[in-house]
Structures are given as structure tokens and as C-alpha cells.
Amino acid sequence: MTTTVLFIHSAGPQDKQQGSTQLIAYLKERLKADYRIIAPEMPDPENPKYADWKKTLGEALNERDGEVILVGHSLGGSAVLKFFSEEERKVSIKGMFLISSPYWGLDEEWQLKDFILKNDFERNLADIPQLYFYHSIQEEIVPFSHHKAYAEKLPQATLRQLEGDRHLFYEGLPELVKDINNL
């Protein structure tokens, strides 16, 4: 049986060799044949609005049957968290994997207001069976403090602290592939 991996990409340009495109290609190459990776084109990634991303994410989920694995990269991870902490769940989630995701509202620099999570967002994520966060310790694009903030709010999550300063993961993310294959 094929399991769907729904990948929600980062903000910014998503043309070949930009944004999340190389990470998506890596996953398609490395995951077993029993995974089908779907990466919908998110609206206006260089000027993202949550309402538009919510609509696209909802449409992509409505087209799925069975269990879904969710992967969100950077802003895509923020969108996945916001969606599943605020919307009624209509799909069965096998696992949620969030990579270098900003914690909007954490401090004055991180104020993309329509992506800020509600104060009690973690309550609606408590039953996600497999919740993983990946973040490079020395990352400069999204500081590691965002990873720590999610860790405090979601103690049930598995945290992968990665060496170095990676955000786009051009060389891939073997830890993610291993974790998905181990579900």
C-alpha cells in the first residue's frame, strides 16, 4: 500500500534549485517506492498569506484517502502546525515532520502575523502519533531558539538537533528519511 507524503515547501522562490525543490527531489529519490510524494505549489511563496496557504493545504488534504505523512519545510512547517492546530482533522496523520520551522511571534523579528499560532495551539496537536522537529544548531536563517520554543510547547515531539548551519538541506536530510521509513 502506498502512503502519501504531503510536502509543504518553504517561502521564497521555488524554481529549480531554489527553496525546497532540492529537498523534495532528495526525498523522492531516497524514500522507498511505497511512498508517493505530493508537493503542491503554494500560492505566492515570495509574499505568503496564511489564508491562501490554508486553502491550498486543505484542498491537497481533501484529495487524500488513508493515512498521510506531513512534511513542512521552514514556513511550510509553520503553515502545517497552524492548520492542524486550528482546523478540524479530516485525514489520519501517520506522522508530522517539521524542518527549520519559524515560531512566529517568538520575538520582535518574527512577526508574520497571519502565521502566528494561537496561545494554546499545542492542545490540538497532542494526539499526533509521530511528531518530529529538525533544526540545525548554528542555523542563521531561522535561529535555533525557535526549535527550543517548539520543544517547550510540544514535549511529546521527537527533536533532531542537527550539526552545522543548514536550512535548505541541499545535500538532503538522511535523518528525515530514516524517521519516515521507521514509522
Protein backbone atom coordinates (compact mmCIF):
# COMPACT_ATOMS: atom_id res chain seq x y z
CA MET A 1 0.00 0.00 0.00
CA THR A 2 1.34 3.42 -0.97
CA THR A 3 1.48 6.11 1.73
CA THR A 4 1.17 9.74 0.71
CA VAL A 5 3.83 12.17 1.88
CA LEU A 6 2.43 15.68 1.60
CA PHE A 7 5.34 18.14 1.46
CA ILE A 8 4.62 21.83 2.10
CA HIS A 9 7.55 23.90 0.90
CA SER A 10 9.28 26.97 2.27
CA ALA A 11 8.63 30.60 1.41
CA GLY A 12 10.62 32.31 -1.31
CA PRO A 13 11.39 31.28 -4.88
CA GLN A 14 10.63 27.63 -5.66
CA ASP A 15 12.07 27.31 -9.14
CA LYS A 16 14.57 24.57 -9.93
CA GLN A 17 17.48 24.60 -7.47
CA GLN A 18 15.71 27.11 -5.17
CA GLY A 19 13.81 26.90 -1.90
CA SER A 20 12.65 23.40 -1.01
CA THR A 21 12.99 21.93 -4.50
CA GLN A 22 16.24 20.06 -3.84
CA LEU A 23 14.97 18.66 -0.56
CA ILE A 24 11.81 17.42 -2.32
CA ALA A 25 13.93 15.82 -5.06
CA TYR A 26 16.11 14.16 -2.39
CA LEU A 27 13.08 12.66 -0.67
CA LYS A 28 11.66 11.38 -3.96
CA GLU A 29 14.97 9.69 -4.68
CA ARG A 30 15.56 8.22 -1.21
CA LEU A 31 12.18 7.11 0.04
CA LYS A 32 11.01 3.63 -0.78
CA ALA A 33 8.64 3.01 -3.68
CA ASP A 34 5.72 2.64 -1.28
CA TYR A 35 5.70 6.41 -0.67
CA ARG A 36 4.10 8.90 -3.02
CA ILE A 37 5.38 12.44 -2.51
CA ILE A 38 2.96 15.24 -3.29
CA ALA A 39 4.31 18.80 -3.16
CA PRO A 40 1.56 21.24 -4.10
CA GLU A 41 2.51 24.61 -5.50
CA MET A 42 1.75 27.00 -2.69
CA PRO A 43 0.39 30.42 -3.67
CA ASP A 44 2.67 33.44 -3.93
CA PRO A 45 5.58 31.97 -1.94
CA GLU A 46 7.51 35.22 -2.10
CA ASN A 47 4.63 37.05 -0.38
CA PRO A 48 2.82 34.28 1.50
CA LYS A 49 -0.56 34.79 3.14
CA TYR A 50 -1.84 32.16 5.52
CA ALA A 51 -5.41 32.22 4.17
CA ASP A 52 -4.12 31.26 0.71
CA TRP A 53 -1.77 28.57 2.02
CA LYS A 54 -4.55 27.20 4.26
CA LYS A 55 -6.86 26.87 1.24
CA THR A 56 -4.23 25.06 -0.84
CA LEU A 57 -3.25 22.78 2.05
CA GLY A 58 -6.91 21.97 2.73
CA GLU A 59 -7.52 21.14 -0.95
CA ALA A 60 -4.45 18.89 -1.06
CA LEU A 61 -5.63 17.05 2.06
CA ASN A 62 -9.18 16.64 0.75
CA GLU A 63 -7.78 14.72 -2.22
CA ARG A 64 -6.17 12.10 0.06
CA ASP A 65 -7.50 8.81 1.34
CA GLY A 66 -5.93 6.83 4.13
CA GLU A 67 -3.02 7.89 6.27
CA VAL A 68 -0.92 10.90 5.36
CA ILE A 69 2.63 11.81 6.31
CA LEU A 70 3.10 15.57 6.52
CA VAL A 71 6.45 17.26 5.91
CA GLY A 72 6.72 21.02 6.32
CA HIS A 73 9.89 22.92 5.50
CA SER A 74 10.51 26.33 7.06
CA LEU A 75 7.35 28.42 6.50
CA GLY A 76 5.68 25.23 5.25
CA GLY A 77 6.17 23.76 8.72
CA SER A 78 4.61 26.84 10.28
CA ALA A 79 1.63 26.51 7.93
CA VAL A 80 1.19 22.80 8.76
CA LEU A 81 1.28 23.49 12.51
CA LYS A 82 -1.19 26.36 12.26
CA PHE A 83 -3.54 24.38 10.02
CA PHE A 84 -3.64 21.30 12.24
CA SER A 85 -3.85 23.29 15.47
CA GLU A 86 -6.89 25.26 14.22
CA GLU A 87 -8.79 23.12 11.69
CA GLU A 88 -10.87 20.00 12.05
CA ARG A 89 -8.80 16.99 11.10
CA LYS A 90 -10.31 15.11 8.16
CA VAL A 91 -7.35 12.83 7.46
CA SER A 92 -5.46 10.31 9.51
CA ILE A 93 -1.94 11.52 10.23
CA LYS A 94 0.74 8.85 10.32
CA GLY A 95 3.47 11.36 11.15
CA MET A 96 4.30 15.06 11.05
CA PHE A 97 7.86 16.15 10.25
CA LEU A 98 8.78 19.84 10.54
CA ILE A 99 12.11 21.16 9.30
CA SER A 100 13.64 24.52 10.34
CA SER A 101 10.21 25.95 11.09
CA PRO A 102 9.92 29.51 12.40
CA TYR A 103 7.99 30.09 15.60
CA TRP A 104 6.17 33.26 14.54
CA GLY A 105 5.66 35.78 17.33
CA LEU A 106 8.61 34.44 19.33
CA ASP A 107 10.28 37.86 19.32
CA GLU A 108 10.10 41.23 17.53
CA GLU A 109 11.90 39.97 14.40
CA TRP A 110 9.50 37.08 13.80
CA GLN A 111 6.11 38.73 13.33
CA LEU A 112 4.47 37.28 10.21
CA LYS A 113 1.14 37.89 11.94
CA ASP A 114 -1.15 35.62 9.96
CA PHE A 115 1.15 32.63 10.65
CA ILE A 116 1.32 33.21 14.44
CA LEU A 117 -0.07 30.26 16.38
CA LYS A 118 -2.82 30.66 18.97
CA ASN A 119 -1.70 30.62 22.60
CA ASP A 120 -3.00 27.10 23.24
CA PHE A 121 -2.09 25.61 19.85
CA GLU A 122 -0.35 22.62 21.42
CA ARG A 123 -3.64 21.23 22.80
CA ASN A 124 -4.86 20.32 19.31
CA LEU A 125 -1.58 18.60 18.40
CA ALA A 126 -1.33 16.35 21.46
CA ASP A 127 -2.68 13.31 19.60
CA ILE A 128 -0.35 13.46 16.58
CA PRO A 129 1.20 9.98 16.78
CA GLN A 130 4.66 10.84 15.46
CA LEU A 131 5.75 14.49 15.67
CA TYR A 132 9.33 15.37 14.71
CA PHE A 133 11.26 18.63 14.53
CA TYR A 134 14.61 19.07 12.72
CA HIS A 135 16.80 22.14 13.14
CA SER A 136 20.48 22.97 12.68
CA ILE A 137 22.10 24.23 15.85
CA GLN A 138 24.07 27.03 14.14
CA GLU A 139 21.40 27.96 11.61
CA GLU A 140 21.35 31.64 10.71
CA ILE A 141 18.09 31.90 8.73
CA VAL A 142 15.75 30.59 11.45
CA PRO A 143 17.57 30.69 14.80
CA PHE A 144 17.79 27.55 16.91
CA SER A 145 15.78 29.35 19.62
CA HIS A 146 12.66 28.60 17.52
CA HIS A 147 13.37 24.86 17.83
CA LYS A 148 13.69 25.26 21.60
CA ALA A 149 10.39 27.15 21.79
CA TYR A 150 8.58 24.31 19.99
CA ALA A 151 10.28 21.81 22.30
CA GLU A 152 8.85 23.60 25.34
CA LYS A 153 5.30 23.68 23.93
CA LEU A 154 5.32 20.15 22.47
CA PRO A 155 7.24 17.89 24.88
CA GLN A 156 5.87 14.77 23.15
CA ALA A 157 7.76 15.67 19.97
CA THR A 158 10.98 13.99 18.91
CA LEU A 159 13.64 16.65 18.40
CA ARG A 160 16.51 16.28 15.97
CA GLN A 161 19.24 18.81 16.68
CA LEU A 162 21.49 18.87 13.63
CA GLU A 163 25.10 19.98 13.50
CA GLY A 164 26.06 22.90 11.30
CA ASP A 165 24.19 25.72 9.62
CA ARG A 166 21.74 24.10 7.23
CA HIS A 167 18.36 25.47 6.30
CA LEU A 168 17.67 24.40 2.73
CA PHE A 169 19.31 20.97 3.06
CA TYR A 170 20.70 20.91 -0.47
CA GLU A 171 22.56 17.69 0.34
CA GLY A 172 19.41 16.13 1.79
CA LEU A 173 18.32 15.15 5.26
CA PRO A 174 19.10 11.47 5.96
CA GLU A 175 17.62 11.68 9.47
CA LEU A 176 14.22 12.56 7.97
CA VAL A 177 14.33 9.65 5.51
CA LYS A 178 15.27 7.26 8.32
CA ASP A 179 12.48 8.53 10.58
CA ILE A 180 9.84 8.24 7.84
CA ASN A 181 10.99 4.72 6.94
CA ASN A 182 10.82 3.73 10.63
CA LEU A 183 7.14 4.66 11.02
